Structures are given as C-alpha cells and as structure tokens.
Amino acid sequence: MNFEEKVLIGMVHLKPLPGSYLYDGNFNGVVEHAISEAKKIEEAGFDAIMIENFNDVPFSKTVEPITVASMTLIARTIKEEIPLPLGINVLRNDAIAAYSIAYTVKADFIRVNVLSGVAYTDQGVIEGIAVQLARLRKLLPSKIKVFADVHVKHAHHFGDFEEALSDAIERGLADAVIISGKRTGNEVDLKKLKRAKELSNVPVLVGSGTTYENLPELWKYADGFIVGTWIKKDGKTNNDIDPERAKKLINLAEKLKASL
C-alpha cells in the first residue's frame, strides 16, 4: 500500500462466528456474506480490505480456537478471490491470533487495539501485548505490518495521548498508528489527528468516523482511512455495505488524490 497517495481500507464486519453468542448455526452463510461484502469493497475501488469479528459480542480479550479457525478460512477465501491487500483484526485484542491468521493466509497487515499501555474497557482492563507480538514476529518473520490504535475507541484512557503515541511507535514497534473517535462510527478528534501527524514518523490512519462530508478535511492530516459505517446502507453500522455509497466515497477520494 502506498501511503504517500493515501489509502482507503474498507471494513468487512463478519457476521457472528461459530462459538459466539449470536451465531445462528449457518457458517456457509457467514462465509458467503463476507465474500459478498469484500467484493463490494473491491468493486468500489478501495485500496485494501480488513476483516473483523465485529459481531462476536460480548467480546473477550482473546478468542477461542474456533474463532481463529473460522477467520482463517474466511480470510483465505477472500485472499484467493480478491487481489487486494488484506488486513485482520481480532477483537477484542488478540493480536497473536490476528498475526497467526495473517501469516497463514499471507495477509498484509493486522490491527491491534491495545499494543502498548492500558485500556479500561467493557471487557475489563486490557494490557498491551507488544512484547508477545514482537516475539511471534521474530519467530515467524514476514512482511505483515502492525497498525496500532492509540487511545482505542470503546475504552477509557488516563494516560497522555502524546506519550501513548510515542510508546506505540518507539516501544511497541508499530508500523502505523490509528486515531479514532470514542465509539464505532464516531468522528475522530481533529486535534488529536493533527498532533499525531505532527509527531509520528509512521503513517497515521483514521480508524472511525470517516464520511463523505468530512473526508476533504481529514485528507489534510491522515495517510489512510479505515471505513466501515459510512459505506453501509443508510450509514448504519449493522447494515450491509451499500455499493453506491462506497463508490461515492471512492470517487471523492480519487478527486482528492488528483489534487495532490
């Protein structure tokens, strides 16, 4: 991915997976839905895709083997059918599972919600796992990039934002950082995004709240955008992707790229 030209990553929010509370027993339907959503992202013209076990609520800090197996199969199927860079996020903070899946399917990046520091969440206290992930990356070298949230959404943070940013990059060894709003679909704090761009020596991505309306402003300060909610039907997170909305956003991004 070429961050110099900005990158748009489309989210595939997987339906509830086997082992989760809301799973309906139809795994073939889960796979088919994931492929359908991924193809919409490809056809719209996004630069990359990321899959996430978004509907496995309530989340645990790490996941069971059945979740890893399910996401691996889905990721492998998408990778075989769609020639876009692929990312993996395993909620709530299972970076070891995410890297393992990415390694086996030859995915391109993972998202880590809490790489460094501590977050106070509805799953309890989540501690950073930078050292465990670094050991796995050493054991299984690859080109997989680590995108780390700084003050991740759906959490409370009592540490300094700038220190958290520095820790993720310098001590957590993040390849890129993600700045989000407080909850899924919420707009990013523009002051934090600007400050992150000023201080970071790695790409800075917007992790939530990118819309058709605010993309031109965010474009000035971010190197990439992870987009989920706005490209859904009626802009509602739990709906399927709306191809027209997805294409509309990409058309705007192309105009902005042309102006660089």
C-alpha atoms as a PDB file:
ATOM      1  CA  MET A   1       0.000   0.000   0.000  1.00  0.00           C
ATOM      2  CA  ASN A   2       1.258   3.419  -0.952  1.00  0.00           C
ATOM      3  CA  PHE A   3       0.545   5.771   1.922  1.00  0.00           C
ATOM      4  CA  GLU A   4       2.046   8.681   0.016  1.00  0.00           C
ATOM      5  CA  GLU A   5      -1.057   8.653  -2.172  1.00  0.00           C
ATOM      6  CA  LYS A   6      -3.400   7.987   0.779  1.00  0.00           C
ATOM      7  CA  VAL A   7      -5.040   4.611   1.374  1.00  0.00           C
ATOM      8  CA  LEU A   8      -8.695   3.702   1.882  1.00  0.00           C
ATOM      9  CA  ILE A   9      -9.369   0.423   3.680  1.00  0.00           C
ATOM     10  CA  GLY A  10     -12.890  -0.995   3.551  1.00  0.00           C
ATOM     11  CA  MET A  11     -14.184  -2.974   6.521  1.00  0.00           C
ATOM     12  CA  VAL A  12     -15.842  -6.371   6.314  1.00  0.00           C
ATOM     13  CA  HIS A  13     -17.740  -6.755   9.571  1.00  0.00           C
ATOM     14  CA  LEU A  14     -18.149 -10.513   9.816  1.00  0.00           C
ATOM     15  CA  LYS A  15     -21.441 -11.977  10.924  1.00  0.00           C
ATOM     16  CA  PRO A  16     -21.369 -13.785  14.298  1.00  0.00           C
ATOM     17  CA  LEU A  17     -18.855 -16.612  14.089  1.00  0.00           C
ATOM     18  CA  PRO A  18     -19.093 -20.165  15.448  1.00  0.00           C
ATOM     19  CA  GLY A  19     -18.624 -20.119  19.192  1.00  0.00           C
ATOM     20  CA  SER A  20     -20.054 -16.622  19.640  1.00  0.00           C
ATOM     21  CA  TYR A  21     -23.296 -15.950  21.479  1.00  0.00           C
ATOM     22  CA  LEU A  22     -25.209 -14.682  18.409  1.00  0.00           C
ATOM     23  CA  TYR A  23     -24.018 -17.341  15.933  1.00  0.00           C
ATOM     24  CA  ASP A  24     -27.005 -18.735  14.018  1.00  0.00           C
ATOM     25  CA  GLY A  25     -25.507 -22.094  13.043  1.00  0.00           C
ATOM     26  CA  ASN A  26     -25.092 -21.271   9.352  1.00  0.00           C
ATOM     27  CA  PHE A  27     -21.353 -20.992   8.759  1.00  0.00           C
ATOM     28  CA  ASN A  28     -21.696 -21.174   4.974  1.00  0.00           C
ATOM     29  CA  GLY A  29     -23.888 -18.095   5.201  1.00  0.00           C
ATOM     30  CA  VAL A  30     -21.224 -16.297   7.251  1.00  0.00           C
ATOM     31  CA  VAL A  31     -18.583 -17.062   4.614  1.00  0.00           C
ATOM     32  CA  GLU A  32     -20.799 -16.101   1.690  1.00  0.00           C
ATOM     33  CA  HIS A  33     -21.726 -12.799   3.337  1.00  0.00           C
ATOM     34  CA  ALA A  34     -18.057 -11.984   3.972  1.00  0.00           C
ATOM     35  CA  ILE A  35     -17.131 -12.659   0.346  1.00  0.00           C
ATOM     36  CA  SER A  36     -20.060 -10.578  -0.894  1.00  0.00           C
ATOM     37  CA  GLU A  37     -19.057  -7.610   1.288  1.00  0.00           C
ATOM     38  CA  ALA A  38     -15.406  -7.913   0.259  1.00  0.00           C
ATOM     39  CA  LYS A  39     -16.360  -7.902  -3.433  1.00  0.00           C
ATOM     40  CA  LYS A  40     -18.372  -4.714  -2.931  1.00  0.00           C
ATOM     41  CA  ILE A  41     -15.268  -3.101  -1.447  1.00  0.00           C
ATOM     42  CA  GLU A  42     -13.152  -4.262  -4.380  1.00  0.00           C
ATOM     43  CA  GLU A  43     -15.672  -3.120  -6.987  1.00  0.00           C
ATOM     44  CA  ALA A  44     -15.975   0.298  -5.370  1.00  0.00           C
ATOM     45  CA  GLY A  45     -12.230   0.812  -5.785  1.00  0.00           C
ATOM     46  CA  PHE A  46     -10.885   0.636  -2.235  1.00  0.00           C
ATOM     47  CA  ASP A  47      -7.149   0.096  -1.790  1.00  0.00           C
ATOM     48  CA  ALA A  48      -7.442  -2.699   0.783  1.00  0.00           C
ATOM     49  CA  ILE A  49      -9.845  -4.816   2.831  1.00  0.00           C
ATOM     50  CA  MET A  50      -9.862  -5.614   6.529  1.00  0.00           C
ATOM     51  CA  ILE A  51     -11.946  -8.320   8.197  1.00  0.00           C
ATOM     52  CA  GLU A  52     -13.012  -8.218  11.821  1.00  0.00           C
ATOM     53  CA  ASN A  53     -15.134 -10.407  14.121  1.00  0.00           C
ATOM     54  CA  PHE A  54     -17.278  -7.346  14.753  1.00  0.00           C
ATOM     55  CA  ASN A  55     -20.446  -9.196  15.727  1.00  0.00           C
ATOM     56  CA  ASP A  56     -18.965 -11.658  18.217  1.00  0.00           C
ATOM     57  CA  VAL A  57     -20.452  -9.752  21.133  1.00  0.00           C
ATOM     58  CA  PRO A  58     -19.942  -9.829  24.015  1.00  0.00           C
ATOM     59  CA  PHE A  59     -16.222  -9.815  23.331  1.00  0.00           C
ATOM     60  CA  SER A  60     -13.469 -11.452  25.332  1.00  0.00           C
ATOM     61  CA  LYS A  61      -9.927 -10.134  25.461  1.00  0.00           C
ATOM     62  CA  THR A  62      -8.653 -13.143  23.487  1.00  0.00           C
ATOM     63  CA  VAL A  63     -10.553 -15.613  21.316  1.00  0.00           C
ATOM     64  CA  GLU A  64     -11.122 -19.351  21.214  1.00  0.00           C
ATOM     65  CA  PRO A  65      -9.550 -21.687  18.607  1.00  0.00           C
ATOM     66  CA  ILE A  66     -12.880 -21.943  16.740  1.00  0.00           C
ATOM     67  CA  THR A  67     -12.757 -18.194  16.081  1.00  0.00           C
ATOM     68  CA  VAL A  68      -9.212 -18.439  14.731  1.00  0.00           C
ATOM     69  CA  ALA A  69     -10.191 -21.368  12.506  1.00  0.00           C
ATOM     70  CA  SER A  70     -13.287 -19.572  11.199  1.00  0.00           C
ATOM     71  CA  MET A  71     -11.476 -16.308  10.456  1.00  0.00           C
ATOM     72  CA  THR A  72      -8.603 -18.166   8.796  1.00  0.00           C
ATOM     73  CA  LEU A  73     -10.957 -19.909   6.390  1.00  0.00           C
ATOM     74  CA  ILE A  74     -12.777 -16.671   5.588  1.00  0.00           C
ATOM     75  CA  ALA A  75      -9.531 -14.731   5.142  1.00  0.00           C
ATOM     76  CA  ARG A  76      -8.069 -17.432   2.907  1.00  0.00           C
ATOM     77  CA  THR A  77     -11.189 -17.456   0.726  1.00  0.00           C
ATOM     78  CA  ILE A  78     -11.164 -13.669   0.347  1.00  0.00           C
ATOM     79  CA  LYS A  79      -7.430 -13.656  -0.376  1.00  0.00           C
ATOM     80  CA  GLU A  80      -7.885 -16.251  -3.122  1.00  0.00           C
ATOM     81  CA  GLU A  81     -10.745 -14.408  -4.802  1.00  0.00           C
ATOM     82  CA  ILE A  82      -9.844 -10.734  -4.371  1.00  0.00           C
ATOM     83  CA  PRO A  83      -6.402  -9.334  -5.285  1.00  0.00           C
ATOM     84  CA  LEU A  84      -6.356  -6.539  -2.706  1.00  0.00           C
ATOM     85  CA  PRO A  85      -4.167  -6.193   0.377  1.00  0.00           C
ATOM     86  CA  LEU A  86      -5.915  -7.861   3.299  1.00  0.00           C
ATOM     87  CA  GLY A  87      -5.891  -6.982   6.973  1.00  0.00           C
ATOM     88  CA  ILE A  88      -7.018  -8.879  10.073  1.00  0.00           C
ATOM     89  CA  ASN A  89      -8.412  -7.531  13.333  1.00  0.00           C
ATOM     90  CA  VAL A  90      -9.353  -9.997  16.077  1.00  0.00           C
ATOM     91  CA  LEU A  91     -11.422  -8.359  18.765  1.00  0.00           C
ATOM     92  CA  ARG A  92     -11.017  -7.509  21.450  1.00  0.00           C
ATOM     93  CA  ASN A  93      -7.241  -7.521  21.471  1.00  0.00           C
ATOM     94  CA  ASP A  94      -5.969 -10.863  20.217  1.00  0.00           C
ATOM     95  CA  ALA A  95      -3.008  -9.730  18.140  1.00  0.00           C
ATOM     96  CA  ILE A  96      -1.417 -13.160  18.428  1.00  0.00           C
ATOM     97  CA  ALA A  97      -4.459 -14.703  16.743  1.00  0.00           C
ATOM     98  CA  ALA A  98      -4.531 -11.899  14.160  1.00  0.00           C
ATOM     99  CA  TYR A  99      -0.870 -12.327  13.257  1.00  0.00           C
ATOM    100  CA  SER A 100      -1.235 -16.112  13.132  1.00  0.00           C
ATOM    101  CA  ILE A 101      -4.179 -15.841  10.742  1.00  0.00           C
ATOM    102  CA  ALA A 102      -2.390 -13.245   8.639  1.00  0.00           C
ATOM    103  CA  TYR A 103       0.755 -15.360   8.472  1.00  0.00           C
ATOM    104  CA  THR A 104      -1.024 -18.495   7.294  1.00  0.00           C
ATOM    105  CA  VAL A 105      -3.121 -16.778   4.602  1.00  0.00           C
ATOM    106  CA  LYS A 106      -0.388 -14.333   3.527  1.00  0.00           C
ATOM    107  CA  ALA A 107      -2.384 -11.284   4.589  1.00  0.00           C
ATOM    108  CA  ASP A 108      -0.716  -7.893   4.620  1.00  0.00           C
ATOM    109  CA  PHE A 109      -1.432  -6.193   7.942  1.00  0.00           C
ATOM    110  CA  ILE A 110      -3.133  -6.547  11.299  1.00  0.00           C
ATOM    111  CA  ARG A 111      -4.848  -4.070  13.574  1.00  0.00           C
ATOM    112  CA  VAL A 112      -4.036  -4.136  17.280  1.00  0.00           C
ATOM    113  CA  ASN A 113      -6.390  -2.276  19.587  1.00  0.00           C
ATOM    114  CA  VAL A 114      -4.044  -2.090  22.585  1.00  0.00           C
ATOM    115  CA  LEU A 115      -0.446  -2.638  21.537  1.00  0.00           C
ATOM    116  CA  SER A 116       1.059  -0.635  24.401  1.00  0.00           C
ATOM    117  CA  GLY A 117      -0.235   0.750  27.664  1.00  0.00           C
ATOM    118  CA  VAL A 118      -3.544   0.008  29.388  1.00  0.00           C
ATOM    119  CA  ALA A 119      -7.162   0.498  28.335  1.00  0.00           C
ATOM    120  CA  TYR A 120     -10.199   0.363  30.600  1.00  0.00           C
ATOM    121  CA  THR A 121     -12.977  -1.300  28.625  1.00  0.00           C
ATOM    122  CA  ASP A 122     -16.240  -3.225  28.862  1.00  0.00           C
ATOM    123  CA  GLN A 123     -14.049  -6.363  28.810  1.00  0.00           C
ATOM    124  CA  GLY A 124     -12.181  -5.111  31.856  1.00  0.00           C
ATOM    125  CA  VAL A 125      -8.604  -3.884  31.943  1.00  0.00           C
ATOM    126  CA  ILE A 126      -6.734  -4.669  28.721  1.00  0.00           C
ATOM    127  CA  GLU A 127      -2.948  -4.529  28.864  1.00  0.00           C
ATOM    128  CA  GLY A 128      -0.651  -4.006  25.914  1.00  0.00           C
ATOM    129  CA  ILE A 129       0.784  -7.083  24.200  1.00  0.00           C
ATOM    130  CA  ALA A 130       3.678  -5.575  22.270  1.00  0.00           C
ATOM    131  CA  VAL A 131       6.274  -7.980  23.659  1.00  0.00           C
ATOM    132  CA  GLN A 132       4.243 -11.117  22.899  1.00  0.00           C
ATOM    133  CA  LEU A 133       3.605  -9.914  19.361  1.00  0.00           C
ATOM    134  CA  ALA A 134       7.259  -8.969  18.861  1.00  0.00           C
ATOM    135  CA  ARG A 135       8.326 -12.478  19.897  1.00  0.00           C
ATOM    136  CA  LEU A 136       5.921 -14.036  17.398  1.00  0.00           C
ATOM    137  CA  ARG A 137       7.108 -11.710  14.631  1.00  0.00           C
ATOM    138  CA  LYS A 138      10.680 -12.753  15.423  1.00  0.00           C
ATOM    139  CA  LEU A 139       9.756 -16.430  15.363  1.00  0.00           C
ATOM    140  CA  LEU A 140       7.727 -16.120  12.159  1.00  0.00           C
ATOM    141  CA  PRO A 141       9.223 -13.267  10.121  1.00  0.00           C
ATOM    142  CA  SER A 142       7.017 -11.782   7.440  1.00  0.00           C
ATOM    143  CA  LYS A 143       6.076  -8.546   5.700  1.00  0.00           C
ATOM    144  CA  ILE A 144       2.904  -8.232   7.778  1.00  0.00           C
ATOM    145  CA  LYS A 145       2.525  -4.678   9.078  1.00  0.00           C
ATOM    146  CA  VAL A 146       1.194  -3.832  12.533  1.00  0.00           C
ATOM    147  CA  PHE A 147      -1.318  -0.980  12.680  1.00  0.00           C
ATOM    148  CA  ALA A 148      -1.767   0.081  16.300  1.00  0.00           C
ATOM    149  CA  ASP A 149      -4.585   2.081  17.825  1.00  0.00           C
ATOM    150  CA  VAL A 150      -3.620   4.995  20.045  1.00  0.00           C
ATOM    151  CA  HIS A 151      -6.282   5.543  22.714  1.00  0.00           C
ATOM    152  CA  VAL A 152      -8.538   2.963  21.076  1.00  0.00           C
ATOM    153  CA  LYS A 153     -12.307   3.512  20.850  1.00  0.00           C
ATOM    154  CA  HIS A 154     -14.776   1.905  23.259  1.00  0.00           C
ATOM    155  CA  ALA A 155     -12.308   2.473  26.090  1.00  0.00           C
ATOM    156  CA  HIS A 156     -11.210   4.955  28.720  1.00  0.00           C
ATOM    157  CA  HIS A 157      -7.634   6.192  28.813  1.00  0.00           C
ATOM    158  CA  PHE A 158      -5.969   8.047  31.639  1.00  0.00           C
ATOM    159  CA  GLY A 159      -2.500   8.410  30.158  1.00  0.00           C
ATOM    160  CA  ASP A 160      -1.240  11.248  27.992  1.00  0.00           C
ATOM    161  CA  PHE A 161      -2.141  10.930  24.292  1.00  0.00           C
ATOM    162  CA  GLU A 162       1.251  12.047  23.027  1.00  0.00           C
ATOM    163  CA  GLU A 163       3.056   9.613  25.309  1.00  0.00           C
ATOM    164  CA  ALA A 164       0.768   6.802  24.175  1.00  0.00           C
ATOM    165  CA  LEU A 165       1.525   7.668  20.555  1.00  0.00           C
ATOM    166  CA  SER A 166       5.257   7.636  21.198  1.00  0.00           C
ATOM    167  CA  ASP A 167       5.084   4.365  23.127  1.00  0.00           C
ATOM    168  CA  ALA A 168       3.171   2.606  20.338  1.00  0.00           C
ATOM    169  CA  ILE A 169       5.785   3.600  17.775  1.00  0.00           C
ATOM    170  CA  GLU A 170       9.082   3.626  19.657  1.00  0.00           C
ATOM    171  CA  ARG A 171       8.474   0.885  22.242  1.00  0.00           C
ATOM    172  CA  GLY A 172       5.657  -1.105  20.636  1.00  0.00           C
ATOM    173  CA  LEU A 173       7.271  -1.059  17.171  1.00  0.00           C
ATOM    174  CA  ALA A 174       4.054  -0.178  15.334  1.00  0.00           C
ATOM    175  CA  ASP A 175       4.339   0.242  11.570  1.00  0.00           C
ATOM    176  CA  ALA A 176       1.389   2.659  11.524  1.00  0.00           C
ATOM    177  CA  VAL A 177      -0.902   4.228  14.096  1.00  0.00           C
ATOM    178  CA  ILE A 178      -4.677   4.592  14.145  1.00  0.00           C
ATOM    179  CA  ILE A 179      -6.601   7.506  15.638  1.00  0.00           C
ATOM    180  CA  SER A 180     -10.352   7.039  16.189  1.00  0.00           C
ATOM    181  CA  GLY A 181     -13.392   8.605  17.768  1.00  0.00           C
ATOM    182  CA  LYS A 182     -14.779   7.344  21.064  1.00  0.00           C
ATOM    183  CA  ARG A 183     -17.038   4.686  19.539  1.00  0.00           C
ATOM    184  CA  THR A 184     -17.601   2.876  16.242  1.00  0.00           C
ATOM    185  CA  GLY A 185     -18.705   5.417  13.652  1.00  0.00           C
ATOM    186  CA  ASN A 186     -17.804   8.431  15.820  1.00  0.00           C
ATOM    187  CA  GLU A 187     -15.712  11.143  14.208  1.00  0.00           C
ATOM    188  CA  VAL A 188     -12.077  11.388  15.158  1.00  0.00           C
ATOM    189  CA  ASP A 189     -10.871  14.223  17.370  1.00  0.00           C
ATOM    190  CA  LEU A 190      -9.295  16.511  14.785  1.00  0.00           C
ATOM    191  CA  LYS A 191      -6.860  17.987  17.305  1.00  0.00           C
ATOM    192  CA  LYS A 192      -5.528  14.516  18.149  1.00  0.00           C
ATOM    193  CA  LEU A 193      -5.272  13.605  14.485  1.00  0.00           C
ATOM    194  CA  LYS A 194      -3.325  16.758  13.687  1.00  0.00           C
ATOM    195  CA  ARG A 195      -0.997  16.215  16.640  1.00  0.00           C
ATOM    196  CA  ALA A 196      -0.426  12.587  15.690  1.00  0.00           C
ATOM    197  CA  LYS A 197       0.525  13.625  12.173  1.00  0.00           C
ATOM    198  CA  GLU A 198       2.935  16.213  13.539  1.00  0.00           C
ATOM    199  CA  LEU A 199       4.684  13.779  15.876  1.00  0.00           C
ATOM    200  CA  SER A 200       4.538  10.436  14.072  1.00  0.00           C
ATOM    201  CA  ASN A 201       7.288   9.085  11.829  1.00  0.00           C
ATOM    202  CA  VAL A 202       4.984   6.279  10.633  1.00  0.00           C
ATOM    203  CA  PRO A 203       1.703   6.536   8.684  1.00  0.00           C
ATOM    204  CA  VAL A 204      -1.322   7.881  10.571  1.00  0.00           C
ATOM    205  CA  LEU A 205      -4.735   6.391   9.822  1.00  0.00           C
ATOM    206  CA  VAL A 206      -8.235   7.488  10.767  1.00  0.00           C
ATOM    207  CA  GLY A 207      -9.933   4.495  12.374  1.00  0.00           C
ATOM    208  CA  SER A 208     -13.544   5.652  12.671  1.00  0.00           C
ATOM    209  CA  GLY A 209     -15.995   8.296  11.585  1.00  0.00           C
ATOM    210  CA  THR A 210     -14.769   8.999   8.054  1.00  0.00           C
ATOM    211  CA  THR A 211     -17.662  10.281   5.941  1.00  0.00           C
ATOM    212  CA  TYR A 212     -18.215  11.804   2.519  1.00  0.00           C
ATOM    213  CA  GLU A 213     -18.663  15.166   4.216  1.00  0.00           C
ATOM    214  CA  ASN A 214     -15.519  15.201   6.369  1.00  0.00           C
ATOM    215  CA  LEU A 215     -13.101  13.339   4.084  1.00  0.00           C
ATOM    216  CA  PRO A 216     -11.725  16.539   2.464  1.00  0.00           C
ATOM    217  CA  GLU A 217     -10.783  17.945   5.885  1.00  0.00           C
ATOM    218  CA  LEU A 218      -9.377  14.675   7.236  1.00  0.00           C
ATOM    219  CA  TRP A 219      -7.423  14.246   3.994  1.00  0.00           C
ATOM    220  CA  LYS A 220      -5.108  17.078   5.049  1.00  0.00           C
ATOM    221  CA  TYR A 221      -3.843  15.222   8.110  1.00  0.00           C
ATOM    222  CA  ALA A 222      -4.177  11.446   7.585  1.00  0.00           C
ATOM    223  CA  ASP A 223      -2.303   8.965   5.435  1.00  0.00           C
ATOM    224  CA  GLY A 224      -5.126   6.443   5.361  1.00  0.00           C
ATOM    225  CA  PHE A 225      -8.726   5.790   6.323  1.00  0.00           C
ATOM    226  CA  ILE A 226     -10.394   2.660   7.693  1.00  0.00           C
ATOM    227  CA  VAL A 227     -14.024   2.971   6.633  1.00  0.00           C
ATOM    228  CA  GLY A 228     -16.909   0.861   7.840  1.00  0.00           C
ATOM    229  CA  THR A 229     -20.039   2.669   8.998  1.00  0.00           C
ATOM    230  CA  TRP A 230     -20.468   5.346   6.333  1.00  0.00           C
ATOM    231  CA  ILE A 231     -20.404   2.909   3.415  1.00  0.00           C
ATOM    232  CA  LYS A 232     -23.197   0.812   4.948  1.00  0.00           C
ATOM    233  CA  LYS A 233     -26.825   1.248   3.865  1.00  0.00           C
ATOM    234  CA  ASP A 234     -28.181   4.471   5.393  1.00  0.00           C
ATOM    235  CA  GLY A 235     -24.824   4.905   7.123  1.00  0.00           C
ATOM    236  CA  LYS A 236     -25.787   2.438   9.853  1.00  0.00           C
ATOM    237  CA  THR A 237     -23.056   0.152  11.161  1.00  0.00           C
ATOM    238  CA  ASN A 238     -25.131  -3.030  11.348  1.00  0.00           C
ATOM    239  CA  ASN A 239     -26.380  -2.853   7.760  1.00  0.00           C
ATOM    240  CA  ASP A 240     -24.682  -4.379   4.719  1.00  0.00           C
ATOM    241  CA  ILE A 241     -22.391  -2.294   2.521  1.00  0.00           C
ATOM    242  CA  ASP A 242     -24.205  -0.041   0.060  1.00  0.00           C
ATOM    243  CA  PRO A 243     -22.263  -0.194  -3.252  1.00  0.00           C
ATOM    244  CA  GLU A 244     -23.431   3.283  -4.253  1.00  0.00           C
ATOM    245  CA  ARG A 245     -22.247   4.892  -1.027  1.00  0.00           C
ATOM    246  CA  ALA A 246     -18.942   3.013  -1.230  1.00  0.00           C
ATOM    247  CA  LYS A 247     -18.364   4.156  -4.805  1.00  0.00           C
ATOM    248  CA  LYS A 248     -19.350   7.726  -3.962  1.00  0.00           C
ATOM    249  CA  LEU A 249     -16.689   7.873  -1.263  1.00  0.00           C
ATOM    250  CA  ILE A 250     -14.035   6.430  -3.556  1.00  0.00           C
ATOM    251  CA  ASN A 251     -14.909   8.896  -6.331  1.00  0.00           C
ATOM    252  CA  LEU A 252     -14.345  11.725  -3.878  1.00  0.00           C
ATOM    253  CA  ALA A 253     -11.056  10.194  -2.755  1.00  0.00           C
ATOM    254  CA  GLU A 254      -9.900   9.941  -6.374  1.00  0.00           C
ATOM    255  CA  LYS A 255     -10.601  13.646  -6.853  1.00  0.00           C
ATOM    256  CA  LEU A 256      -8.633  14.431  -3.721  1.00  0.00           C
ATOM    257  CA  LYS A 257      -5.753  12.234  -4.879  1.00  0.00           C
ATOM    258  CA  ALA A 258      -5.692  14.030  -8.191  1.00  0.00           C
ATOM    259  CA  SER A 259      -5.241  17.320  -6.361  1.00  0.00           C
ATOM    260  CA  LEU A 260      -2.105  16.162  -4.507  1.00  0.00           C
END
